Amino acid sequence: MQIEMKVIEGLKAGSECLKSMHEIMSIEDVEKILDETQESIEYQRQIDEMLAGALTQEDEDAVLAELEAITQGEDVVLPEVPTEHVPEIPEAAKVEPERKDVMKKQNREMLAA
């Protein structure tokens, strides 16, 4: 009997909450929110595609045409290639960047924790 009373009280409280929500929000408001959410999802998908480098066939054709124009054109000015010998990096200098990478990784792990 007590359980039934608690269930009935819960249903009454739920009904009152729904009534107050209906007073606050109309169906048009809910539809507007859903439309805005859908538009935001579509916009984010477009951004994700751009960042991922997904090209449409039109984009790819344009890129290939531009590449063809650059490689076939005789008016392309290329920079001078250096002719002097590039000095070799000592082993100690090569180890230092690796150490910095390890330190950065440790810092990120500490921040994540």
N, C-alpha and C. Protein backbone atom coordinates (compact mmCIF):
# COMPACT_ATOMS: atom_id res chain seq x y z
N MET A 1 0.81 -1.19 0.00
CA MET A 1 0.00 0.00 0.00
C MET A 1 0.87 1.27 0.00
N GLN A 2 1.93 1.24 0.84
CA GLN A 2 2.83 2.39 0.91
C GLN A 2 3.55 2.61 -0.42
N ILE A 3 3.93 1.53 -1.07
CA ILE A 3 4.62 1.63 -2.36
C ILE A 3 3.69 2.24 -3.39
N GLU A 4 2.42 1.82 -3.38
CA GLU A 4 1.44 2.37 -4.32
C GLU A 4 1.25 3.86 -4.09
N MET A 5 1.23 4.27 -2.85
CA MET A 5 1.07 5.69 -2.52
C MET A 5 2.27 6.49 -3.02
N LYS A 6 3.47 5.93 -2.85
CA LYS A 6 4.68 6.62 -3.32
C LYS A 6 4.67 6.73 -4.85
N VAL A 7 4.21 5.69 -5.51
CA VAL A 7 4.13 5.71 -6.98
C VAL A 7 3.14 6.78 -7.42
N ILE A 8 2.00 6.84 -6.77
CA ILE A 8 0.98 7.85 -7.12
C ILE A 8 1.52 9.25 -6.87
N GLU A 9 2.22 9.46 -5.75
CA GLU A 9 2.81 10.77 -5.45
C GLU A 9 3.85 11.14 -6.50
N GLY A 10 4.65 10.15 -6.92
CA GLY A 10 5.65 10.38 -7.96
C GLY A 10 5.01 10.77 -9.28
N LEU A 11 3.91 10.10 -9.62
CA LEU A 11 3.20 10.43 -10.86
C LEU A 11 2.61 11.83 -10.80
N LYS A 12 2.07 12.22 -9.63
CA LYS A 12 1.53 13.57 -9.48
C LYS A 12 2.64 14.61 -9.65
N ALA A 13 3.79 14.37 -9.01
CA ALA A 13 4.91 15.31 -9.12
C ALA A 13 5.39 15.40 -10.56
N GLY A 14 5.45 14.27 -11.24
CA GLY A 14 5.86 14.27 -12.64
C GLY A 14 4.88 15.02 -13.51
N SER A 15 3.60 14.84 -13.24
CA SER A 15 2.57 15.53 -14.00
C SER A 15 2.67 17.04 -13.81
N GLU A 16 2.91 17.47 -12.57
CA GLU A 16 3.06 18.89 -12.29
C GLU A 16 4.29 19.47 -13.00
N CYS A 17 5.38 18.72 -13.00
CA CYS A 17 6.60 19.17 -13.70
C CYS A 17 6.34 19.32 -15.19
N LEU A 18 5.64 18.35 -15.77
CA LEU A 18 5.33 18.44 -17.20
C LEU A 18 4.45 19.64 -17.51
N LYS A 19 3.47 19.90 -16.65
CA LYS A 19 2.60 21.06 -16.85
C LYS A 19 3.41 22.35 -16.81
N SER A 20 4.32 22.47 -15.85
CA SER A 20 5.12 23.69 -15.76
C SER A 20 6.06 23.82 -16.96
N MET A 21 6.58 22.71 -17.46
CA MET A 21 7.43 22.76 -18.66
C MET A 21 6.62 23.19 -19.88
N HIS A 22 5.39 22.71 -19.98
CA HIS A 22 4.53 23.09 -21.10
C HIS A 22 4.21 24.58 -21.06
N GLU A 23 4.08 25.13 -19.85
CA GLU A 23 3.84 26.57 -19.73
C GLU A 23 5.05 27.37 -20.16
N ILE A 24 6.24 26.86 -19.84
CA ILE A 24 7.49 27.56 -20.16
C ILE A 24 7.83 27.43 -21.64
N MET A 25 7.69 26.24 -22.19
CA MET A 25 8.10 25.98 -23.57
C MET A 25 6.91 25.57 -24.42
N SER A 26 6.87 26.15 -25.63
CA SER A 26 5.85 25.75 -26.58
C SER A 26 6.46 24.77 -27.59
N ILE A 27 5.62 24.16 -28.38
CA ILE A 27 6.10 23.22 -29.40
C ILE A 27 7.00 23.95 -30.40
N GLU A 28 6.65 25.20 -30.70
CA GLU A 28 7.46 25.98 -31.65
C GLU A 28 8.87 26.21 -31.10
N ASP A 29 8.96 26.46 -29.77
CA ASP A 29 10.28 26.65 -29.16
C ASP A 29 11.12 25.39 -29.27
N VAL A 30 10.51 24.26 -29.01
CA VAL A 30 11.22 22.98 -29.09
C VAL A 30 11.68 22.72 -30.52
N GLU A 31 10.78 22.97 -31.50
CA GLU A 31 11.15 22.76 -32.91
C GLU A 31 12.28 23.70 -33.31
N LYS A 32 12.24 24.93 -32.83
CA LYS A 32 13.31 25.89 -33.13
C LYS A 32 14.64 25.41 -32.58
N ILE A 33 14.64 24.91 -31.34
CA ILE A 33 15.86 24.41 -30.73
C ILE A 33 16.39 23.21 -31.51
N LEU A 34 15.50 22.31 -31.91
CA LEU A 34 15.92 21.14 -32.68
C LEU A 34 16.50 21.55 -34.03
N ASP A 35 15.89 22.54 -34.70
CA ASP A 35 16.41 23.02 -35.98
C ASP A 35 17.79 23.64 -35.81
N GLU A 36 17.95 24.46 -34.77
CA GLU A 36 19.25 25.08 -34.52
C GLU A 36 20.31 24.03 -34.23
N THR A 37 19.93 23.01 -33.48
CA THR A 37 20.86 21.93 -33.17
C THR A 37 21.27 21.19 -34.43
N GLN A 38 20.31 20.91 -35.31
CA GLN A 38 20.61 20.23 -36.57
C GLN A 38 21.53 21.06 -37.44
N GLU A 39 21.29 22.37 -37.50
CA GLU A 39 22.15 23.26 -38.28
C GLU A 39 23.56 23.27 -37.71
N SER A 40 23.67 23.28 -36.39
CA SER A 40 24.98 23.28 -35.76
C SER A 40 25.72 21.98 -36.04
N ILE A 41 25.00 20.87 -36.03
CA ILE A 41 25.62 19.58 -36.33
C ILE A 41 26.13 19.56 -37.77
N GLU A 42 25.34 20.07 -38.70
CA GLU A 42 25.74 20.12 -40.11
C GLU A 42 26.96 21.01 -40.29
N TYR A 43 26.96 22.16 -39.63
CA TYR A 43 28.09 23.10 -39.71
C TYR A 43 29.36 22.44 -39.17
N GLN A 44 29.25 21.74 -38.03
CA GLN A 44 30.41 21.06 -37.46
C GLN A 44 30.91 19.96 -38.39
N ARG A 45 29.99 19.25 -39.04
CA ARG A 45 30.39 18.20 -39.98
C ARG A 45 31.18 18.79 -41.14
N GLN A 46 30.75 19.95 -41.64
CA GLN A 46 31.47 20.62 -42.71
C GLN A 46 32.87 21.02 -42.26
N ILE A 47 32.97 21.53 -41.06
CA ILE A 47 34.29 21.92 -40.53
C ILE A 47 35.17 20.68 -40.39
N ASP A 48 34.63 19.59 -39.87
CA ASP A 48 35.39 18.35 -39.73
C ASP A 48 35.90 17.85 -41.08
N GLU A 49 35.06 17.92 -42.11
CA GLU A 49 35.47 17.49 -43.44
C GLU A 49 36.61 18.36 -43.96
N MET A 50 36.51 19.68 -43.74
CA MET A 50 37.57 20.57 -44.20
C MET A 50 38.88 20.27 -43.49
N LEU A 51 38.80 20.05 -42.19
CA LEU A 51 40.01 19.78 -41.43
C LEU A 51 40.60 18.42 -41.78
N ALA A 52 39.75 17.48 -42.12
CA ALA A 52 40.23 16.14 -42.47
C ALA A 52 40.81 16.12 -43.88
N GLY A 53 40.59 17.17 -44.64
CA GLY A 53 41.15 17.23 -45.98
C GLY A 53 40.33 16.51 -47.02
N ALA A 54 39.08 16.26 -46.72
CA ALA A 54 38.21 15.59 -47.68
C ALA A 54 37.90 16.57 -48.82
N LEU A 55 38.31 16.21 -50.03
CA LEU A 55 38.06 17.07 -51.18
C LEU A 55 36.93 16.48 -52.02
N THR A 56 36.11 17.36 -52.53
CA THR A 56 35.10 16.92 -53.47
C THR A 56 35.78 16.68 -54.82
N GLN A 57 35.06 16.10 -55.73
CA GLN A 57 35.64 15.85 -57.05
C GLN A 57 35.98 17.18 -57.74
N GLU A 58 35.14 18.19 -57.55
CA GLU A 58 35.41 19.52 -58.12
C GLU A 58 36.70 20.10 -57.57
N ASP A 59 36.87 20.00 -56.24
CA ASP A 59 38.07 20.51 -55.60
C ASP A 59 39.32 19.78 -56.12
N GLU A 60 39.21 18.46 -56.21
CA GLU A 60 40.35 17.69 -56.67
C GLU A 60 40.70 18.03 -58.12
N ASP A 61 39.69 18.21 -58.96
CA ASP A 61 39.95 18.60 -60.35
C ASP A 61 40.61 19.97 -60.41
N ALA A 62 40.17 20.90 -59.58
CA ALA A 62 40.77 22.24 -59.55
C ALA A 62 42.22 22.18 -59.10
N VAL A 63 42.50 21.35 -58.10
CA VAL A 63 43.88 21.21 -57.61
C VAL A 63 44.77 20.61 -58.69
N LEU A 64 44.27 19.58 -59.35
CA LEU A 64 45.06 18.95 -60.42
C LEU A 64 45.29 19.91 -61.58
N ALA A 65 44.29 20.72 -61.92
CA ALA A 65 44.46 21.70 -63.00
C ALA A 65 45.50 22.75 -62.60
N GLU A 66 45.48 23.17 -61.35
CA GLU A 66 46.46 24.15 -60.88
C GLU A 66 47.86 23.55 -60.88
N LEU A 67 47.97 22.29 -60.46
CA LEU A 67 49.27 21.61 -60.48
C LEU A 67 49.78 21.49 -61.90
N GLU A 68 48.91 21.13 -62.82
CA GLU A 68 49.30 21.01 -64.24
C GLU A 68 49.78 22.36 -64.76
N ALA A 69 49.08 23.43 -64.42
CA ALA A 69 49.47 24.77 -64.88
C ALA A 69 50.83 25.15 -64.31
N ILE A 70 51.07 24.79 -63.06
CA ILE A 70 52.35 25.15 -62.44
C ILE A 70 53.49 24.35 -63.05
N THR A 71 53.28 23.05 -63.24
CA THR A 71 54.37 22.21 -63.74
C THR A 71 54.63 22.40 -65.23
N GLN A 72 53.63 22.80 -65.99
CA GLN A 72 53.81 22.98 -67.43
C GLN A 72 54.22 24.40 -67.80
N GLY A 73 53.96 25.32 -66.90
CA GLY A 73 54.26 26.72 -67.20
C GLY A 73 55.76 26.98 -67.22
N GLU A 74 56.21 27.79 -68.16
CA GLU A 74 57.62 28.12 -68.25
C GLU A 74 57.93 29.39 -67.48
N ASP A 75 56.93 30.10 -67.04
CA ASP A 75 57.15 31.36 -66.34
C ASP A 75 57.28 31.16 -64.83
N VAL A 76 57.41 29.91 -64.39
CA VAL A 76 57.55 29.63 -62.97
C VAL A 76 58.99 29.95 -62.54
N VAL A 77 59.12 30.78 -61.52
CA VAL A 77 60.44 31.16 -61.02
C VAL A 77 60.72 30.33 -59.77
N LEU A 78 61.77 29.53 -59.84
CA LEU A 78 62.14 28.69 -58.72
C LEU A 78 63.29 29.32 -57.96
N PRO A 79 63.39 29.11 -56.67
CA PRO A 79 64.50 29.69 -55.90
C PRO A 79 65.82 29.01 -56.23
N GLU A 80 66.89 29.71 -55.93
CA GLU A 80 68.23 29.17 -56.13
C GLU A 80 68.48 28.04 -55.14
N VAL A 81 69.13 26.99 -55.62
CA VAL A 81 69.48 25.88 -54.76
C VAL A 81 70.87 26.16 -54.17
N PRO A 82 71.03 26.05 -52.84
CA PRO A 82 72.34 26.31 -52.25
C PRO A 82 73.36 25.27 -52.72
N THR A 83 74.57 25.73 -52.95
CA THR A 83 75.63 24.83 -53.40
C THR A 83 76.64 24.53 -52.31
N GLU A 84 76.59 25.26 -51.21
CA GLU A 84 77.56 25.02 -50.14
C GLU A 84 77.17 23.81 -49.32
N HIS A 85 78.16 23.21 -48.69
CA HIS A 85 77.97 22.01 -47.89
C HIS A 85 77.27 22.37 -46.58
N VAL A 86 76.28 21.57 -46.19
CA VAL A 86 75.57 21.79 -44.94
C VAL A 86 76.33 21.08 -43.83
N PRO A 87 76.66 21.79 -42.73
CA PRO A 87 77.41 21.14 -41.65
C PRO A 87 76.57 20.07 -40.96
N GLU A 88 77.24 19.04 -40.48
CA GLU A 88 76.54 17.95 -39.79
C GLU A 88 76.28 18.35 -38.35
N ILE A 89 75.19 17.81 -37.80
CA ILE A 89 74.82 18.11 -36.43
C ILE A 89 75.52 17.12 -35.51
N PRO A 90 76.19 17.62 -34.47
CA PRO A 90 76.85 16.69 -33.53
C PRO A 90 75.81 15.84 -32.80
N GLU A 91 76.23 14.66 -32.33
CA GLU A 91 75.33 13.74 -31.65
C GLU A 91 74.69 14.36 -30.42
N ALA A 92 75.42 15.17 -29.68
CA ALA A 92 74.88 15.80 -28.46
C ALA A 92 73.70 16.70 -28.80
N ALA A 93 73.76 17.39 -29.91
CA ALA A 93 72.67 18.28 -30.32
C ALA A 93 71.44 17.48 -30.75
N LYS A 94 71.64 16.28 -31.27
CA LYS A 94 70.52 15.44 -31.68
C LYS A 94 69.76 14.90 -30.48
N VAL A 95 70.46 14.65 -29.38
CA VAL A 95 69.84 14.10 -28.18
C VAL A 95 68.98 15.15 -27.50
N GLU A 96 69.37 16.41 -27.54
CA GLU A 96 68.65 17.48 -26.85
C GLU A 96 67.18 17.59 -27.29
N PRO A 97 66.85 17.59 -28.59
CA PRO A 97 65.43 17.66 -28.96
C PRO A 97 64.62 16.47 -28.44
N GLU A 98 65.23 15.29 -28.40
CA GLU A 98 64.53 14.13 -27.88
C GLU A 98 64.19 14.33 -26.41
N ARG A 99 65.12 14.92 -25.66
CA ARG A 99 64.90 15.19 -24.25
C ARG A 99 63.76 16.18 -24.07
N LYS A 100 63.71 17.19 -24.93
CA LYS A 100 62.63 18.18 -24.85
C LYS A 100 61.29 17.52 -25.14
N ASP A 101 61.26 16.60 -26.10
CA ASP A 101 60.01 15.91 -26.41
C ASP A 101 59.53 15.09 -25.21
N VAL A 102 60.46 14.44 -24.51
CA VAL A 102 60.10 13.65 -23.34
C VAL A 102 59.55 14.55 -22.26
N MET A 103 60.18 15.71 -22.07
CA MET A 103 59.72 16.66 -21.05
C MET A 103 58.32 17.17 -21.40
N LYS A 104 58.07 17.48 -22.66
CA LYS A 104 56.75 17.95 -23.07
C LYS A 104 55.69 16.87 -22.80
N LYS A 105 56.04 15.63 -23.10
CA LYS A 105 55.11 14.53 -22.89
C LYS A 105 54.81 14.38 -21.40
N GLN A 106 55.83 14.49 -20.56
CA GLN A 106 55.62 14.38 -19.12
C GLN A 106 54.74 15.51 -18.62
N ASN A 107 54.96 16.72 -19.13
CA ASN A 107 54.14 17.86 -18.71
C ASN A 107 52.68 17.65 -19.10
N ARG A 108 52.43 17.15 -20.33
CA ARG A 108 51.07 16.90 -20.76
C ARG A 108 50.40 15.85 -19.88
N GLU A 109 51.17 14.81 -19.51
CA GLU A 109 50.61 13.76 -18.66
C GLU A 109 50.27 14.30 -17.28
N MET A 110 51.12 15.21 -16.77
CA MET A 110 50.86 15.79 -15.46
C MET A 110 49.61 16.67 -15.51
N LEU A 111 49.45 17.43 -16.60
CA LEU A 111 48.28 18.27 -16.74
C LEU A 111 47.01 17.45 -16.88
N ALA A 112 47.12 16.33 -17.57
CA ALA A 112 45.96 15.47 -17.76
C ALA A 112 45.53 14.83 -16.45
N ALA A 113 46.49 14.56 -15.60
CA ALA A 113 46.18 13.94 -14.30
C ALA A 113 45.57 14.98 -13.40
